[in-house]
Amino acid sequence: MVKYSEPALDRVFAALSDPTRRAILARLSEQQTASVSELAAPLPISLPAVMKHLDVLEGAGLVARHKTGRTVACRLTAAPMEDAMAWLTRYQRFWTESLDRLAALVEEKP
């Protein structure tokens, strides 16, 4: 049995598995930086819950936080997402080729 484990990639996919964290990332992709309060405003969860989600995102390297006075600003960091996309692209090529062969086979049948 082949065991494949890359802890950084595992953390990225674990972080992306939650819809609240994906919503936070989507919000950050629309603007350069946002405060924790701005990120929490549209979400139906408490501020401490948002902070826990940000901890997970920061642990995966997807978000960077910077504190200025009492305000914590967050920004999206793209490098871990690019690594995840590179990993997914390998499998996209496999499935595309497999489905293309299946389509060709089906089209040959009368």
Protein backbone atom coordinates (compact mmCIF):
# COMPACT_ATOMS: atom_id res chain seq x y z
CA MET A 1 0.00 0.00 0.00
CA VAL A 2 1.34 3.42 -0.96
CA LYS A 3 1.18 6.04 1.72
CA TYR A 4 1.18 9.61 0.50
CA SER A 5 1.23 12.30 3.09
CA GLU A 6 2.26 15.89 2.73
CA PRO A 7 1.30 17.72 5.94
CA ALA A 8 1.10 21.18 4.32
CA LEU A 9 -1.23 19.94 1.59
CA ASP A 10 -3.30 18.04 4.16
CA ARG A 11 -3.78 21.27 6.16
CA VAL A 12 -4.86 23.17 3.04
CA PHE A 13 -7.49 20.60 2.07
CA ALA A 14 -8.69 20.34 5.69
CA ALA A 15 -9.05 24.12 5.83
CA LEU A 16 -10.94 24.19 2.52
CA SER A 17 -13.33 21.46 3.66
CA ASP A 18 -15.42 23.87 5.75
CA PRO A 19 -17.97 26.17 4.04
CA THR A 20 -17.41 28.98 6.57
CA ARG A 21 -13.68 29.00 5.87
CA ARG A 22 -14.35 28.97 2.12
CA ALA A 23 -16.66 31.98 2.60
CA ILE A 24 -13.92 33.81 4.48
CA LEU A 25 -11.44 33.08 1.68
CA ALA A 26 -13.94 34.22 -0.95
CA ARG A 27 -14.42 37.48 0.91
CA LEU A 28 -10.66 38.00 1.14
CA SER A 29 -10.27 37.28 -2.58
CA GLU A 30 -12.57 40.22 -3.31
CA GLN A 31 -10.60 42.75 -1.28
CA GLN A 32 -6.91 43.09 -0.42
CA THR A 33 -7.34 43.02 3.35
CA ALA A 34 -10.23 42.88 5.80
CA SER A 35 -10.51 43.17 9.53
CA VAL A 36 -11.76 40.24 11.56
CA SER A 37 -14.94 42.22 12.28
CA GLU A 38 -15.53 42.82 8.58
CA LEU A 39 -15.06 39.12 7.85
CA ALA A 40 -17.39 38.14 10.71
CA ALA A 41 -20.20 40.58 9.85
CA PRO A 42 -21.99 38.51 7.15
CA LEU A 43 -21.44 35.18 8.88
CA PRO A 44 -24.10 33.63 11.15
CA ILE A 45 -21.54 32.69 13.81
CA SER A 46 -19.91 34.42 16.78
CA LEU A 47 -16.69 36.42 16.61
CA PRO A 48 -14.81 33.78 18.68
CA ALA A 49 -15.94 31.13 16.17
CA VAL A 50 -14.63 33.27 13.30
CA MET A 51 -11.32 33.59 15.16
CA LYS A 52 -11.08 29.78 15.38
CA HIS A 53 -11.72 29.46 11.66
CA LEU A 54 -9.03 32.07 11.01
CA ASP A 55 -6.63 30.04 13.19
CA VAL A 56 -7.20 27.03 10.92
CA LEU A 57 -6.75 29.13 7.77
CA GLU A 58 -3.59 30.70 9.16
CA GLY A 59 -2.26 27.29 10.17
CA ALA A 60 -2.72 26.13 6.58
CA GLY A 61 -0.90 29.23 5.35
CA LEU A 62 -3.96 30.53 3.49
CA VAL A 63 -4.38 33.68 5.58
CA ALA A 64 -1.90 36.08 7.15
CA ARG A 65 -2.92 38.29 10.07
CA HIS A 66 -1.41 41.58 11.17
CA LYS A 67 -2.39 43.45 14.30
CA THR A 68 -2.32 47.24 14.38
CA GLY A 69 -3.50 48.59 17.72
CA ARG A 70 -6.79 46.84 18.42
CA THR A 71 -7.51 45.94 14.81
CA VAL A 72 -6.48 42.62 13.31
CA ALA A 73 -6.25 42.75 9.52
CA CYS A 74 -6.31 39.58 7.42
CA ARG A 75 -5.09 39.01 3.90
CA LEU A 76 -5.18 36.04 1.55
CA THR A 77 -1.91 34.23 0.80
CA ALA A 78 -2.04 32.30 -2.45
CA ALA A 79 1.01 29.99 -2.40
CA PRO A 80 -0.65 27.08 -0.52
CA MET A 81 -3.66 27.29 -2.83
CA GLU A 82 -1.35 27.07 -5.85
CA ASP A 83 0.21 23.90 -4.41
CA ALA A 84 -3.26 22.38 -3.98
CA MET A 85 -4.20 23.31 -7.54
CA ALA A 86 -1.01 21.71 -8.87
CA TRP A 87 -1.88 18.51 -7.00
CA LEU A 88 -5.45 18.53 -8.36
CA THR A 89 -4.29 19.24 -11.92
CA ARG A 90 -2.48 15.90 -12.08
CA TYR A 91 -5.78 14.10 -11.47
CA GLN A 92 -7.73 16.37 -13.78
CA ARG A 93 -5.49 15.27 -16.65
CA PHE A 94 -6.07 11.60 -15.77
CA TRP A 95 -9.87 11.96 -15.66
CA THR A 96 -10.01 14.11 -18.78
CA GLU A 97 -8.07 11.51 -20.76
CA SER A 98 -10.18 8.66 -19.35
CA LEU A 99 -13.45 10.41 -20.15
CA ASP A 100 -12.24 11.32 -23.64
CA ARG A 101 -11.46 7.63 -24.31
CA LEU A 102 -14.90 6.65 -23.00
CA ALA A 103 -16.60 9.24 -25.22
CA ALA A 104 -14.69 7.98 -28.25
CA LEU A 105 -15.70 4.40 -27.46
CA VAL A 106 -19.37 5.34 -27.05
CA GLU A 107 -19.35 7.32 -30.31
CA GLU A 108 -17.96 4.28 -32.19
CA LYS A 109 -20.88 2.05 -31.18
CA PRO A 110 -23.77 1.99 -33.70
